[in-house]
N, C-alpha and C. Protein backbone atom coordinates (compact mmCIF):
# COMPACT_ATOMS: atom_id res chain seq x y z
N GLN A 1 0.42 -1.23 0.11
CA GLN A 1 -0.09 0.24 -0.16
C GLN A 1 0.72 1.12 0.00
N VAL A 2 0.13 2.18 -0.82
CA VAL A 2 1.37 3.17 -0.53
C VAL A 2 0.31 4.37 -0.02
N GLN A 3 0.42 5.57 0.78
CA GLN A 3 -0.37 6.57 1.16
C GLN A 3 0.23 7.56 0.84
N LEU A 4 -0.64 8.45 -0.19
CA LEU A 4 -0.12 9.99 -0.48
C LEU A 4 -0.90 10.76 0.45
N VAL A 5 0.04 12.05 0.40
CA VAL A 5 -0.29 13.31 1.77
C VAL A 5 0.23 14.38 0.64
N GLU A 6 -0.58 14.67 0.35
CA GLU A 6 -0.33 16.44 -0.42
C GLU A 6 -0.29 17.67 0.35
N SER A 7 0.72 18.53 0.41
CA SER A 7 0.72 19.45 1.20
C SER A 7 1.24 20.77 0.19
N GLY A 8 1.30 21.83 0.72
CA GLY A 8 1.45 23.57 0.01
C GLY A 8 0.53 24.65 -0.49
N GLY A 9 -1.03 23.90 -0.41
CA GLY A 9 -1.92 24.33 -0.90
C GLY A 9 -1.97 26.11 -0.38
N GLY A 10 -3.27 26.69 -0.50
CA GLY A 10 -3.47 27.73 -0.07
C GLY A 10 -3.69 28.82 -0.46
N LEU A 11 -4.27 30.01 -0.42
CA LEU A 11 -4.81 31.32 -0.99
C LEU A 11 -3.49 31.93 -1.59
N VAL A 12 -3.49 32.56 -2.33
CA VAL A 12 -2.51 32.78 -3.69
C VAL A 12 -3.27 34.10 -4.46
N GLN A 13 -2.39 35.68 -4.77
CA GLN A 13 -3.14 36.22 -5.66
C GLN A 13 -2.92 36.14 -7.33
N PRO A 14 -3.69 36.23 -7.84
CA PRO A 14 -3.47 36.34 -9.44
C PRO A 14 -1.87 36.66 -9.83
N GLY A 15 -1.08 35.59 -10.58
CA GLY A 15 0.29 36.09 -10.50
C GLY A 15 1.22 35.67 -10.09
N GLY A 16 0.64 34.76 -8.69
CA GLY A 16 1.28 34.06 -7.30
C GLY A 16 2.21 33.02 -8.37
N SER A 17 2.85 32.20 -7.24
CA SER A 17 3.22 30.96 -7.11
C SER A 17 2.89 30.24 -6.06
N LEU A 18 2.58 29.14 -6.44
CA LEU A 18 2.64 27.92 -5.44
C LEU A 18 3.55 26.43 -5.34
N ARG A 19 3.99 25.65 -4.61
CA ARG A 19 4.77 24.24 -4.57
C ARG A 19 3.96 23.55 -3.84
N LEU A 20 3.01 22.58 -4.68
CA LEU A 20 2.74 21.01 -4.22
C LEU A 20 3.65 20.42 -3.99
N SER A 21 3.54 19.60 -2.84
CA SER A 21 4.38 18.62 -2.40
C SER A 21 3.06 17.33 -2.60
N CYS A 22 3.54 16.08 -2.51
CA CYS A 22 3.05 14.91 -2.41
C CYS A 22 3.81 13.90 -2.52
N ALA A 23 3.86 13.48 -0.80
CA ALA A 23 4.99 12.80 -0.11
C ALA A 23 4.57 11.21 -0.08
N ALA A 24 5.07 10.41 -0.47
CA ALA A 24 4.37 9.17 -0.39
C ALA A 24 5.03 8.17 0.99
N SER A 25 4.38 7.68 1.54
CA SER A 25 4.96 6.23 2.21
C SER A 25 4.31 5.20 2.26
N GLY A 26 4.96 4.31 2.89
CA GLY A 26 4.02 2.45 2.84
C GLY A 26 5.43 1.86 2.13
N ARG A 27 5.33 2.65 0.52
CA ARG A 27 6.74 1.50 -0.26
C ARG A 27 7.14 2.73 -0.96
N THR A 28 8.03 2.52 -1.57
CA THR A 28 8.78 3.38 -2.45
C THR A 28 7.84 3.39 -3.71
N PHE A 29 7.60 4.62 -4.07
CA PHE A 29 6.95 4.98 -5.82
C PHE A 29 8.18 5.36 -7.03
N THR A 30 9.47 4.76 -6.82
CA THR A 30 10.22 5.00 -7.64
C THR A 30 9.57 4.94 -9.38
N ASN A 31 8.97 3.16 -8.82
CA ASN A 31 8.32 2.95 -10.51
C ASN A 31 7.10 2.87 -10.77
N TYR A 32 6.45 4.51 -10.08
CA TYR A 32 5.29 4.55 -10.50
C TYR A 32 4.90 5.82 -11.36
N ALA A 33 4.01 5.70 -12.14
CA ALA A 33 3.68 6.70 -12.62
C ALA A 33 2.73 7.63 -11.92
N VAL A 34 3.26 8.81 -11.87
CA VAL A 34 2.24 9.44 -10.87
C VAL A 34 1.88 10.95 -11.77
N GLY A 35 1.13 11.79 -10.95
CA GLY A 35 0.07 12.91 -12.07
C GLY A 35 -0.14 13.46 -10.59
N TRP A 36 -0.80 15.09 -11.14
CA TRP A 36 -1.46 15.92 -10.42
C TRP A 36 -2.73 16.20 -11.17
N PHE A 37 -4.36 15.78 -10.33
CA PHE A 37 -5.28 15.94 -11.02
C PHE A 37 -5.86 17.47 -10.29
N ARG A 38 -6.90 18.14 -10.65
CA ARG A 38 -7.48 19.23 -10.20
C ARG A 38 -9.17 19.00 -9.97
N GLN A 39 -9.73 19.48 -9.06
CA GLN A 39 -11.03 19.67 -9.40
C GLN A 39 -11.77 20.90 -8.65
N ALA A 40 -12.52 21.37 -9.63
CA ALA A 40 -13.26 22.66 -9.17
C ALA A 40 -14.65 22.88 -9.04
N PRO A 41 -15.42 23.37 -8.25
CA PRO A 41 -16.28 23.64 -7.68
C PRO A 41 -17.59 22.94 -9.29
N GLY A 42 -18.35 22.21 -9.19
CA GLY A 42 -19.32 21.62 -10.58
C GLY A 42 -18.40 21.13 -11.56
N LYS A 43 -17.11 20.99 -11.03
CA LYS A 43 -16.55 20.71 -12.46
C LYS A 43 -15.96 19.26 -12.31
N GLU A 44 -15.81 18.37 -13.58
CA GLU A 44 -15.26 17.00 -13.08
C GLU A 44 -13.64 17.04 -12.87
N ARG A 45 -13.34 16.45 -12.51
CA ARG A 45 -11.87 16.05 -11.56
C ARG A 45 -10.72 16.20 -13.72
N GLU A 46 -10.02 16.57 -13.10
CA GLU A 46 -9.44 16.54 -14.81
C GLU A 46 -7.95 16.25 -13.87
N LEU A 47 -6.90 15.58 -15.09
CA LEU A 47 -5.83 15.70 -15.27
C LEU A 47 -4.80 17.02 -15.76
N VAL A 48 -3.59 17.25 -14.91
CA VAL A 48 -3.36 18.45 -15.15
C VAL A 48 -2.12 18.00 -15.59
N LEU A 49 -1.30 17.30 -15.16
CA LEU A 49 0.10 16.80 -15.76
C LEU A 49 0.20 15.34 -14.89
N GLY A 50 0.72 14.99 -16.18
CA GLY A 50 1.79 13.58 -15.68
C GLY A 50 2.58 13.37 -15.67
N LEU A 51 3.61 12.36 -14.55
CA LEU A 51 4.70 12.46 -15.60
C LEU A 51 5.28 10.70 -15.42
N SER A 52 5.87 10.59 -16.59
CA SER A 52 6.28 8.80 -16.57
C SER A 52 6.96 7.89 -15.75
N ARG A 53 7.01 6.67 -15.56
CA ARG A 53 7.70 6.06 -14.47
C ARG A 53 9.62 6.70 -14.87
N SER A 54 9.73 6.78 -16.04
CA SER A 54 10.97 6.93 -16.04
C SER A 54 11.58 8.34 -15.71
N GLY A 55 10.16 9.39 -15.45
CA GLY A 55 10.79 10.68 -15.38
C GLY A 55 11.24 11.41 -16.62
N GLN A 56 11.01 10.77 -17.85
CA GLN A 56 11.23 11.26 -18.81
C GLN A 56 10.37 11.99 -19.93
N SER A 57 9.43 11.56 -19.63
CA SER A 57 8.18 12.13 -20.20
C SER A 57 6.97 12.39 -19.10
N THR A 58 6.65 13.32 -19.90
CA THR A 58 5.53 14.29 -19.17
C THR A 58 4.07 14.41 -20.29
N TRP A 59 3.43 14.56 -19.61
CA TRP A 59 1.95 15.13 -20.35
C TRP A 59 1.30 15.93 -19.45
N THR A 60 1.11 17.07 -20.33
CA THR A 60 0.51 18.70 -19.86
C THR A 60 -0.73 18.69 -20.29
N ALA A 61 -1.63 19.31 -20.12
CA ALA A 61 -2.89 20.25 -19.68
C ALA A 61 -3.00 21.19 -21.05
N ASP A 62 -3.43 21.45 -21.91
CA ASP A 62 -3.02 23.47 -22.71
C ASP A 62 -3.55 24.06 -21.15
N SER A 63 -3.87 24.18 -20.29
CA SER A 63 -4.76 25.45 -19.42
C SER A 63 -3.55 25.84 -18.68
N VAL A 64 -2.37 24.46 -18.58
CA VAL A 64 -1.46 25.25 -17.57
C VAL A 64 -0.23 25.05 -18.18
N LYS A 65 -0.16 24.89 -19.77
CA LYS A 65 1.23 24.82 -20.40
C LYS A 65 2.02 26.34 -20.19
N GLY A 66 3.23 26.48 -19.53
CA GLY A 66 4.27 27.40 -19.37
C GLY A 66 3.99 27.88 -18.34
N ARG A 67 3.05 27.51 -17.77
CA ARG A 67 3.05 28.25 -16.07
C ARG A 67 3.20 26.36 -14.97
N PHE A 68 2.66 25.49 -15.37
CA PHE A 68 2.98 24.59 -14.58
C PHE A 68 3.82 23.25 -14.97
N THR A 69 4.66 22.88 -13.89
CA THR A 69 5.67 22.17 -13.82
C THR A 69 5.58 20.84 -13.10
N ILE A 70 5.87 19.64 -13.36
CA ILE A 70 5.99 18.44 -12.71
C ILE A 70 7.31 17.49 -12.36
N SER A 71 7.56 17.36 -10.86
CA SER A 71 8.68 17.05 -11.10
C SER A 71 8.78 15.62 -9.80
N ARG A 72 9.87 15.24 -9.66
CA ARG A 72 9.79 14.01 -8.87
C ARG A 72 11.58 14.20 -7.90
N ASP A 73 11.26 13.51 -6.53
CA ASP A 73 12.74 13.68 -6.04
C ASP A 73 12.30 12.33 -5.34
N ASN A 74 13.04 10.81 -5.60
CA ASN A 74 12.83 9.84 -5.40
C ASN A 74 13.59 8.87 -4.24
N ALA A 75 14.59 10.23 -4.06
CA ALA A 75 15.23 10.00 -2.63
C ALA A 75 14.43 10.45 -1.58
N LYS A 76 13.04 11.81 -1.81
CA LYS A 76 12.63 11.73 -0.89
C LYS A 76 11.24 11.17 -1.18
N ASN A 77 11.17 10.31 -2.09
CA ASN A 77 9.68 9.67 -2.14
C ASN A 77 8.62 10.77 -2.60
N THR A 78 9.15 11.84 -3.16
CA THR A 78 7.85 13.32 -3.01
C THR A 78 7.77 13.16 -4.35
N VAL A 79 6.59 14.05 -4.97
CA VAL A 79 6.42 14.43 -5.93
C VAL A 79 5.65 15.94 -6.43
N TYR A 80 6.48 16.97 -6.42
CA TYR A 80 5.93 18.08 -6.99
C TYR A 80 5.52 18.76 -8.01
N LEU A 81 4.29 19.82 -7.75
CA LEU A 81 3.71 20.36 -8.82
C LEU A 81 3.97 22.50 -8.42
N GLN A 82 5.35 22.24 -9.49
CA GLN A 82 5.13 24.18 -9.35
C GLN A 82 4.18 25.05 -10.20
N MET A 83 3.88 25.48 -9.42
CA MET A 83 2.94 26.86 -10.31
C MET A 83 2.49 28.29 -10.20
N ASN A 84 3.03 28.72 -11.61
CA ASN A 84 3.36 29.91 -11.89
C ASN A 84 2.31 30.70 -12.30
N ASN A 85 2.56 31.93 -11.70
CA ASN A 85 1.16 33.01 -13.21
C ASN A 85 0.16 32.21 -12.79
N LEU A 86 0.17 32.03 -11.41
CA LEU A 86 -1.60 31.66 -11.19
C LEU A 86 -2.74 32.47 -11.60
N LYS A 87 -3.85 31.75 -11.79
CA LYS A 87 -4.88 32.31 -12.69
C LYS A 87 -6.17 31.98 -11.83
N PRO A 88 -7.15 32.95 -11.58
CA PRO A 88 -8.38 32.48 -10.55
C PRO A 88 -9.01 30.97 -11.34
N GLU A 89 -8.95 30.91 -12.54
CA GLU A 89 -9.37 29.50 -12.69
C GLU A 89 -8.62 28.70 -12.52
N ASP A 90 -7.39 28.49 -11.74
CA ASP A 90 -6.97 27.53 -11.22
C ASP A 90 -7.30 27.44 -10.26
N THR A 91 -8.04 27.97 -9.43
CA THR A 91 -8.99 27.49 -8.32
C THR A 91 -9.22 26.43 -8.48
N ALA A 92 -8.94 25.10 -7.43
CA ALA A 92 -9.71 23.78 -7.44
C ALA A 92 -9.07 23.32 -6.04
N VAL A 93 -9.32 22.33 -5.99
CA VAL A 93 -8.75 20.80 -5.27
C VAL A 93 -7.54 19.74 -5.95
N TYR A 94 -6.52 19.69 -5.17
CA TYR A 94 -5.56 19.55 -6.38
C TYR A 94 -4.69 18.43 -5.76
N TYR A 95 -5.11 17.09 -6.35
CA TYR A 95 -4.78 15.98 -6.05
C TYR A 95 -3.78 15.35 -6.71
N CYS A 96 -2.64 14.38 -5.87
CA CYS A 96 -2.15 14.12 -6.70
C CYS A 96 -2.53 12.24 -6.69
N ALA A 97 -1.68 11.47 -7.33
CA ALA A 97 -2.09 10.19 -7.85
C ALA A 97 -1.15 9.73 -8.54
N ALA A 98 -1.04 8.07 -7.84
CA ALA A 98 -0.28 6.99 -8.86
C ALA A 98 -0.43 5.86 -9.20
N SER A 99 0.29 5.44 -10.55
CA SER A 99 -0.35 4.33 -10.63
C SER A 99 0.98 3.46 -11.03
N GLY A 100 1.21 1.95 -10.58
CA GLY A 100 1.79 0.86 -10.80
C GLY A 100 1.95 0.34 -12.20
N ARG A 101 0.55 0.66 -13.01
CA ARG A 101 0.54 -0.35 -13.62
C ARG A 101 0.73 0.89 -15.50
N LEU A 102 0.19 1.77 -15.24
CA LEU A 102 0.45 2.36 -16.09
C LEU A 102 1.70 3.17 -16.43
N THR A 103 2.21 3.45 -18.05
CA THR A 103 3.93 4.00 -18.19
C THR A 103 3.65 5.64 -18.00
N ILE A 104 2.64 6.52 -18.04
CA ILE A 104 2.93 7.50 -17.57
C ILE A 104 0.84 8.14 -17.71
N LEU A 105 0.73 9.09 -16.84
CA LEU A 105 -0.85 9.17 -16.51
C LEU A 105 -1.66 9.99 -17.62
N THR A 106 -2.21 9.74 -18.31
CA THR A 106 -2.44 10.76 -19.27
C THR A 106 -4.46 10.90 -19.26
N PRO A 107 -4.83 11.37 -20.06
CA PRO A 107 -6.43 11.77 -19.61
C PRO A 107 -7.17 10.45 -20.38
N GLY A 108 -7.69 10.07 -18.98
CA GLY A 108 -8.80 8.83 -18.82
C GLY A 108 -8.17 7.53 -19.00
N ALA A 109 -6.76 7.48 -18.72
CA ALA A 109 -6.06 6.68 -18.49
C ALA A 109 -6.46 5.58 -17.50
N SER A 110 -6.29 4.29 -16.99
CA SER A 110 -6.42 3.68 -16.19
C SER A 110 -5.56 2.46 -15.78
N PRO A 111 -5.27 1.74 -14.56
CA PRO A 111 -6.27 2.20 -13.36
C PRO A 111 -5.25 3.03 -12.92
N ILE A 112 -5.48 3.87 -12.09
CA ILE A 112 -4.43 5.21 -10.73
C ILE A 112 -4.82 4.15 -9.62
N ASP A 113 -3.81 4.37 -9.01
CA ASP A 113 -4.17 2.40 -7.88
C ASP A 113 -3.99 3.37 -6.69
N TYR A 114 -3.71 4.78 -6.30
CA TYR A 114 -3.59 5.88 -5.35
C TYR A 114 -3.88 7.04 -5.77
N TRP A 115 -4.64 7.47 -4.73
CA TRP A 115 -4.75 9.44 -4.75
C TRP A 115 -4.32 9.49 -3.06
N GLY A 116 -4.34 10.95 -3.38
CA GLY A 116 -4.20 11.72 -2.16
C GLY A 116 -5.21 12.13 -1.58
N GLN A 117 -5.19 12.67 -0.32
CA GLN A 117 -6.63 13.47 -0.02
C GLN A 117 -7.13 15.06 -0.65
N GLY A 118 -6.39 15.52 -1.42
CA GLY A 118 -6.22 16.60 -1.60
C GLY A 118 -5.68 18.10 -0.87
N THR A 119 -5.40 19.11 -1.92
CA THR A 119 -5.06 20.16 -1.01
C THR A 119 -5.95 21.44 -2.00
N GLN A 120 -6.45 22.23 -1.10
CA GLN A 120 -7.13 23.55 -1.91
C GLN A 120 -6.07 24.71 -2.09
N VAL A 121 -6.15 24.68 -3.48
CA VAL A 121 -5.89 26.05 -4.01
C VAL A 121 -6.47 27.11 -4.83
N THR A 122 -6.57 28.24 -3.92
CA THR A 122 -7.47 29.35 -4.21
C THR A 122 -6.76 30.73 -4.57
N VAL A 123 -7.03 30.68 -5.77
CA VAL A 123 -6.66 31.88 -6.46
C VAL A 123 -7.06 33.11 -6.98
N SER A 124 -7.03 34.41 -5.87
CA SER A 124 -8.21 35.46 -5.86
C SER A 124 -7.59 36.51 -5.36
N ALA A 125 -7.81 37.59 -5.24
CA ALA A 125 -7.02 39.01 -5.10
C ALA A 125 -7.99 39.32 -3.68
């Protein structure tokens, strides 16, 4: 079993930055494909960024290209989401996810084996 715990969310002004962290415990998830999803009120959960098992490939939603990046530190068993130039439409609960069976997380791909509990990001003046 893998437990994922997100942190780093909060309130930020438009144009600001935040870095979310997702710490894994229970077992190493070096060989897992990982990603960040978000869900805004009244909307479906959507994939924002996916990172392959190898760390060599990423998938990025058009809405965050050039602003968000995903990275992983295998030594710390942690995945990060760096968010720059935040916009009000980025307001959502952000979830990290991991799959031991997918090569990379892409929209609609399954199965997702583990989910974090989510962290709120609010972008507002």
